[in-house]
Amino acid sequence: MLSTIVVCDDRRAIPPGRESARVLSRTLASLVTAKVEGLLGDVQIAGPSGEGLRALANHAGCDLIEADNEADWLAATLQAARGPEVFLLRCGLAPEAGFIEETRDFLASGNNKDRPLAACLRCVPETFFERLFPGLAPVAGIVATRELMLRAPRGGFASLTSFIAPATTFHARARRIR
């Protein structure tokens, strides 16, 4: 089972004029099937202080870790993750159909000392160039070992993604929540 962290800081993923709590609730709702099917274990929310997310986290049965900057809340949430593998997902995005099966297959392939377990989930291509070159679509989520993520230099989601440099990209995508 994957420990799951929903990172609520990325303002690019949240449409203008939308409340963080509302977008977060839709992101969490997209994970219910994966939780029920046993792919996801504990779910945590990482984000900035003062966003009013505590009530939502309590209702959803999630832990909430707040801090003043992205590096702090991401580091604290990774430390608190319970499982050996972590799924890190940007708030405002929802994995599409096929993610559960593909992730299960990926996890079953195992961890190799020469090739640490790491894969990324990309957004659905939205721009002309992303449609031509799907590898240009932004990274929506990462599946990797907690140990690998903790070895990364302190920073945010983008720097963590760069450090991990997942060799595997899932065929399933994540759609932007509108």
C-alpha atoms as a PDB file:
ATOM      1  CA  MET A   1       0.000   0.000   0.000  1.00  0.00           C
ATOM      2  CA  LEU A   2       1.182   3.462  -0.880  1.00  0.00           C
ATOM      3  CA  SER A   3       1.369   6.295   1.595  1.00  0.00           C
ATOM      4  CA  THR A   4      -0.261   9.184  -0.232  1.00  0.00           C
ATOM      5  CA  ILE A   5       0.579  12.861   0.062  1.00  0.00           C
ATOM      6  CA  VAL A   6      -1.564  15.496  -1.629  1.00  0.00           C
ATOM      7  CA  VAL A   7       0.503  18.667  -2.051  1.00  0.00           C
ATOM      8  CA  CYS A   8      -1.791  21.704  -1.891  1.00  0.00           C
ATOM      9  CA  ASP A   9       0.660  24.411  -2.750  1.00  0.00           C
ATOM     10  CA  ASP A  10       0.886  24.370  -6.502  1.00  0.00           C
ATOM     11  CA  ARG A  11      -1.224  27.334  -7.546  1.00  0.00           C
ATOM     12  CA  ARG A  12      -0.763  26.452 -11.233  1.00  0.00           C
ATOM     13  CA  ALA A  13      -2.926  23.352 -10.744  1.00  0.00           C
ATOM     14  CA  ILE A  14      -5.753  25.258  -9.049  1.00  0.00           C
ATOM     15  CA  PRO A  15      -7.937  27.215 -11.473  1.00  0.00           C
ATOM     16  CA  PRO A  16      -8.185  30.957 -10.759  1.00  0.00           C
ATOM     17  CA  GLY A  17     -11.075  31.874  -8.475  1.00  0.00           C
ATOM     18  CA  ARG A  18     -11.387  28.385  -6.949  1.00  0.00           C
ATOM     19  CA  GLU A  19     -11.039  27.749  -3.236  1.00  0.00           C
ATOM     20  CA  SER A  20      -8.199  25.468  -2.134  1.00  0.00           C
ATOM     21  CA  ALA A  21     -10.539  23.404   0.068  1.00  0.00           C
ATOM     22  CA  ARG A  22     -12.996  22.760  -2.757  1.00  0.00           C
ATOM     23  CA  VAL A  23     -10.279  21.730  -5.197  1.00  0.00           C
ATOM     24  CA  LEU A  24      -8.649  19.567  -2.512  1.00  0.00           C
ATOM     25  CA  SER A  25     -11.944  17.802  -1.805  1.00  0.00           C
ATOM     26  CA  ARG A  26     -12.276  16.903  -5.495  1.00  0.00           C
ATOM     27  CA  THR A  27      -8.682  15.632  -5.601  1.00  0.00           C
ATOM     28  CA  LEU A  28      -9.326  13.479  -2.513  1.00  0.00           C
ATOM     29  CA  ALA A  29     -12.585  12.183  -4.013  1.00  0.00           C
ATOM     30  CA  SER A  30     -10.653  10.975  -7.064  1.00  0.00           C
ATOM     31  CA  LEU A  31      -8.551   8.761  -4.774  1.00  0.00           C
ATOM     32  CA  VAL A  32     -11.462   6.940  -3.086  1.00  0.00           C
ATOM     33  CA  THR A  33     -11.517   3.989  -5.503  1.00  0.00           C
ATOM     34  CA  ALA A  34      -7.759   3.455  -5.130  1.00  0.00           C
ATOM     35  CA  LYS A  35      -8.161   3.567  -1.338  1.00  0.00           C
ATOM     36  CA  VAL A  36     -11.075   1.092  -1.365  1.00  0.00           C
ATOM     37  CA  GLU A  37      -9.159  -1.286  -3.662  1.00  0.00           C
ATOM     38  CA  GLY A  38      -6.240  -1.304  -1.228  1.00  0.00           C
ATOM     39  CA  LEU A  39      -3.682   0.546  -3.356  1.00  0.00           C
ATOM     40  CA  LEU A  40      -3.491   3.524  -1.006  1.00  0.00           C
ATOM     41  CA  GLY A  41      -2.857   3.343   2.722  1.00  0.00           C
ATOM     42  CA  ASP A  42      -2.560   6.500   4.779  1.00  0.00           C
ATOM     43  CA  VAL A  43      -3.413   9.787   3.079  1.00  0.00           C
ATOM     44  CA  GLN A  44      -1.854  13.069   4.166  1.00  0.00           C
ATOM     45  CA  ILE A  45      -2.346  16.623   3.050  1.00  0.00           C
ATOM     46  CA  ALA A  46       0.641  18.973   2.856  1.00  0.00           C
ATOM     47  CA  GLY A  47       0.097  22.675   2.460  1.00  0.00           C
ATOM     48  CA  PRO A  48       0.435  26.214   3.650  1.00  0.00           C
ATOM     49  CA  SER A  49      -0.828  27.402   7.008  1.00  0.00           C
ATOM     50  CA  GLY A  50      -4.031  29.394   7.145  1.00  0.00           C
ATOM     51  CA  GLU A  51      -5.823  27.861   4.166  1.00  0.00           C
ATOM     52  CA  GLY A  52      -8.662  26.461   6.301  1.00  0.00           C
ATOM     53  CA  LEU A  53      -7.974  22.852   5.354  1.00  0.00           C
ATOM     54  CA  ARG A  54      -8.123  21.310   8.864  1.00  0.00           C
ATOM     55  CA  ALA A  55     -11.888  20.672   8.828  1.00  0.00           C
ATOM     56  CA  LEU A  56     -11.698  19.015   5.415  1.00  0.00           C
ATOM     57  CA  ALA A  57      -8.743  16.865   6.505  1.00  0.00           C
ATOM     58  CA  ASN A  58     -10.650  15.753   9.614  1.00  0.00           C
ATOM     59  CA  HIS A  59     -13.782  14.867   7.617  1.00  0.00           C
ATOM     60  CA  ALA A  60     -11.735  12.950   5.047  1.00  0.00           C
ATOM     61  CA  GLY A  61      -9.758  11.068   7.725  1.00  0.00           C
ATOM     62  CA  CYS A  62      -6.453  12.527   6.548  1.00  0.00           C
ATOM     63  CA  ASP A  63      -3.531  13.990   8.444  1.00  0.00           C
ATOM     64  CA  LEU A  64      -2.801  17.632   7.697  1.00  0.00           C
ATOM     65  CA  ILE A  65       0.723  19.003   7.845  1.00  0.00           C
ATOM     66  CA  GLU A  66       1.003  22.756   7.503  1.00  0.00           C
ATOM     67  CA  ALA A  67       4.088  24.953   7.384  1.00  0.00           C
ATOM     68  CA  ASP A  68       5.199  28.335   6.132  1.00  0.00           C
ATOM     69  CA  ASN A  69       6.926  27.161   2.955  1.00  0.00           C
ATOM     70  CA  GLU A  70       6.775  24.276   0.513  1.00  0.00           C
ATOM     71  CA  ALA A  71      10.125  22.772   1.497  1.00  0.00           C
ATOM     72  CA  ASP A  72       9.068  22.572   5.172  1.00  0.00           C
ATOM     73  CA  TRP A  73       5.628  21.016   4.653  1.00  0.00           C
ATOM     74  CA  LEU A  74       6.903  18.556   2.079  1.00  0.00           C
ATOM     75  CA  ALA A  75       9.805  17.427   4.304  1.00  0.00           C
ATOM     76  CA  ALA A  76       7.541  17.072   7.353  1.00  0.00           C
ATOM     77  CA  THR A  77       4.956  15.083   5.414  1.00  0.00           C
ATOM     78  CA  LEU A  78       7.558  12.718   3.951  1.00  0.00           C
ATOM     79  CA  GLN A  79       8.901  12.110   7.459  1.00  0.00           C
ATOM     80  CA  ALA A  80       5.367  11.303   8.667  1.00  0.00           C
ATOM     81  CA  ALA A  81       4.539   8.902   5.802  1.00  0.00           C
ATOM     82  CA  ARG A  82       3.954   5.406   7.174  1.00  0.00           C
ATOM     83  CA  GLY A  83       4.674   3.155   4.214  1.00  0.00           C
ATOM     84  CA  PRO A  84       7.890   2.348   2.358  1.00  0.00           C
ATOM     85  CA  GLU A  85       6.460   3.615  -0.965  1.00  0.00           C
ATOM     86  CA  VAL A  86       4.897   7.039  -1.420  1.00  0.00           C
ATOM     87  CA  PHE A  87       2.510   8.498  -3.973  1.00  0.00           C
ATOM     88  CA  LEU A  88       2.914  12.271  -4.128  1.00  0.00           C
ATOM     89  CA  LEU A  89       0.071  14.039  -5.996  1.00  0.00           C
ATOM     90  CA  ARG A  90      -0.430  17.720  -6.755  1.00  0.00           C
ATOM     91  CA  CYS A  91      -3.719  19.172  -5.558  1.00  0.00           C
ATOM     92  CA  GLY A  92      -6.060  20.129  -8.383  1.00  0.00           C
ATOM     93  CA  LEU A  93      -5.376  16.970 -10.370  1.00  0.00           C
ATOM     94  CA  ALA A  94      -7.121  13.598 -10.483  1.00  0.00           C
ATOM     95  CA  PRO A  95      -5.643  10.320 -11.773  1.00  0.00           C
ATOM     96  CA  GLU A  96      -7.608   8.882 -14.666  1.00  0.00           C
ATOM     97  CA  ALA A  97      -8.830   5.332 -15.266  1.00  0.00           C
ATOM     98  CA  GLY A  98      -6.090   2.757 -15.469  1.00  0.00           C
ATOM     99  CA  PHE A  99      -3.927   4.379 -12.803  1.00  0.00           C
ATOM    100  CA  ILE A 100      -4.754   1.748 -10.170  1.00  0.00           C
ATOM    101  CA  GLU A 101      -3.913  -1.255 -12.357  1.00  0.00           C
ATOM    102  CA  GLU A 102      -0.815   0.335 -13.832  1.00  0.00           C
ATOM    103  CA  THR A 103       0.505   1.337 -10.408  1.00  0.00           C
ATOM    104  CA  ARG A 104      -0.140  -2.147  -9.018  1.00  0.00           C
ATOM    105  CA  ASP A 105       1.818  -3.670 -11.912  1.00  0.00           C
ATOM    106  CA  PHE A 106       4.637  -1.189 -11.387  1.00  0.00           C
ATOM    107  CA  LEU A 107       4.859  -1.927  -7.658  1.00  0.00           C
ATOM    108  CA  ALA A 108       4.797  -5.670  -8.362  1.00  0.00           C
ATOM    109  CA  SER A 109       7.875  -5.264 -10.572  1.00  0.00           C
ATOM    110  CA  GLY A 110       9.784  -4.622  -7.351  1.00  0.00           C
ATOM    111  CA  ASN A 111      12.601  -2.426  -6.156  1.00  0.00           C
ATOM    112  CA  ASN A 112      16.091  -2.999  -7.510  1.00  0.00           C
ATOM    113  CA  LYS A 113      19.253  -1.600  -5.903  1.00  0.00           C
ATOM    114  CA  ASP A 114      20.519  -0.566  -9.344  1.00  0.00           C
ATOM    115  CA  ARG A 115      17.187   1.002 -10.282  1.00  0.00           C
ATOM    116  CA  PRO A 116      15.251   2.484  -7.365  1.00  0.00           C
ATOM    117  CA  LEU A 117      11.478   2.282  -7.568  1.00  0.00           C
ATOM    118  CA  ALA A 118      10.306   5.557  -9.157  1.00  0.00           C
ATOM    119  CA  ALA A 119       7.648   6.499 -11.702  1.00  0.00           C
ATOM    120  CA  CYS A 120       5.778   9.629 -12.634  1.00  0.00           C
ATOM    121  CA  LEU A 121       2.192  10.411 -13.523  1.00  0.00           C
ATOM    122  CA  ARG A 122       1.904  13.215 -16.069  1.00  0.00           C
ATOM    123  CA  CYS A 123      -0.981  15.573 -16.724  1.00  0.00           C
ATOM    124  CA  VAL A 124      -3.239  15.137 -19.708  1.00  0.00           C
ATOM    125  CA  PRO A 125      -1.613  17.158 -22.523  1.00  0.00           C
ATOM    126  CA  GLU A 126      -3.375  20.514 -22.852  1.00  0.00           C
ATOM    127  CA  THR A 127      -1.257  22.639 -25.174  1.00  0.00           C
ATOM    128  CA  PHE A 128      -0.443  22.030 -28.825  1.00  0.00           C
ATOM    129  CA  PHE A 129       3.189  21.151 -28.034  1.00  0.00           C
ATOM    130  CA  GLU A 130       2.188  18.844 -25.168  1.00  0.00           C
ATOM    131  CA  ARG A 131      -0.101  16.988 -27.559  1.00  0.00           C
ATOM    132  CA  LEU A 132       2.743  16.628 -30.066  1.00  0.00           C
ATOM    133  CA  PHE A 133       5.263  15.720 -27.356  1.00  0.00           C
ATOM    134  CA  PRO A 134       3.386  14.218 -24.377  1.00  0.00           C
ATOM    135  CA  GLY A 135       6.610  14.143 -22.346  1.00  0.00           C
ATOM    136  CA  LEU A 136       6.335  17.937 -22.065  1.00  0.00           C
ATOM    137  CA  ALA A 137       3.118  17.680 -20.028  1.00  0.00           C
ATOM    138  CA  PRO A 138       3.746  18.655 -16.390  1.00  0.00           C
ATOM    139  CA  VAL A 139       4.338  15.980 -13.766  1.00  0.00           C
ATOM    140  CA  ALA A 140       1.181  15.492 -11.712  1.00  0.00           C
ATOM    141  CA  GLY A 141       2.463  12.864  -9.315  1.00  0.00           C
ATOM    142  CA  ILE A 142       5.370  10.653  -8.356  1.00  0.00           C
ATOM    143  CA  VAL A 143       5.473   7.100  -7.031  1.00  0.00           C
ATOM    144  CA  ALA A 144       8.780   6.318  -5.361  1.00  0.00           C
ATOM    145  CA  THR A 145      10.276   4.834  -2.242  1.00  0.00           C
ATOM    146  CA  ARG A 146      10.078   7.003   0.849  1.00  0.00           C
ATOM    147  CA  GLU A 147      13.809   6.459   1.344  1.00  0.00           C
ATOM    148  CA  LEU A 148      14.595   7.910  -2.098  1.00  0.00           C
ATOM    149  CA  MET A 149      12.354  10.924  -1.512  1.00  0.00           C
ATOM    150  CA  LEU A 150      13.948  11.597   1.877  1.00  0.00           C
ATOM    151  CA  ARG A 151      17.429  11.608   0.274  1.00  0.00           C
ATOM    152  CA  ALA A 152      16.426  14.473  -2.028  1.00  0.00           C
ATOM    153  CA  PRO A 153      17.730  17.935  -1.183  1.00  0.00           C
ATOM    154  CA  ARG A 154      15.214  20.134   0.604  1.00  0.00           C
ATOM    155  CA  GLY A 155      12.938  21.846  -1.819  1.00  0.00           C
ATOM    156  CA  GLY A 156       9.519  21.698  -3.361  1.00  0.00           C
ATOM    157  CA  PHE A 157       7.694  19.352  -5.682  1.00  0.00           C
ATOM    158  CA  ALA A 158       9.658  20.432  -8.772  1.00  0.00           C
ATOM    159  CA  SER A 159      13.065  19.920  -7.178  1.00  0.00           C
ATOM    160  CA  LEU A 160      11.972  16.547  -5.761  1.00  0.00           C
ATOM    161  CA  THR A 161      10.853  15.465  -9.227  1.00  0.00           C
ATOM    162  CA  SER A 162      14.176  16.575 -10.720  1.00  0.00           C
ATOM    163  CA  PHE A 163      16.170  14.706  -8.075  1.00  0.00           C
ATOM    164  CA  ILE A 164      14.206  11.473  -8.439  1.00  0.00           C
ATOM    165  CA  ALA A 165      14.174  11.654 -12.263  1.00  0.00           C
ATOM    166  CA  PRO A 166      11.748   8.746 -12.680  1.00  0.00           C
ATOM    167  CA  ALA A 167      12.664   6.493 -15.591  1.00  0.00           C
ATOM    168  CA  THR A 168       9.112   5.162 -15.827  1.00  0.00           C
ATOM    169  CA  THR A 169       6.155   7.271 -16.936  1.00  0.00           C
ATOM    170  CA  PHE A 170       2.692   5.815 -16.469  1.00  0.00           C
ATOM    171  CA  HIS A 171       0.433   5.590 -19.525  1.00  0.00           C
ATOM    172  CA  ALA A 172      -2.455   6.729 -17.333  1.00  0.00           C
ATOM    173  CA  ARG A 173      -2.650  10.498 -16.961  1.00  0.00           C
ATOM    174  CA  ALA A 174      -4.023  12.970 -14.442  1.00  0.00           C
ATOM    175  CA  ARG A 175      -6.698  15.409 -15.512  1.00  0.00           C
ATOM    176  CA  ARG A 176      -6.968  18.938 -14.253  1.00  0.00           C
ATOM    177  CA  ILE A 177      -9.962  19.482 -11.985  1.00  0.00           C
ATOM    178  CA  ARG A 178     -12.120  22.252 -13.376  1.00  0.00           C
END
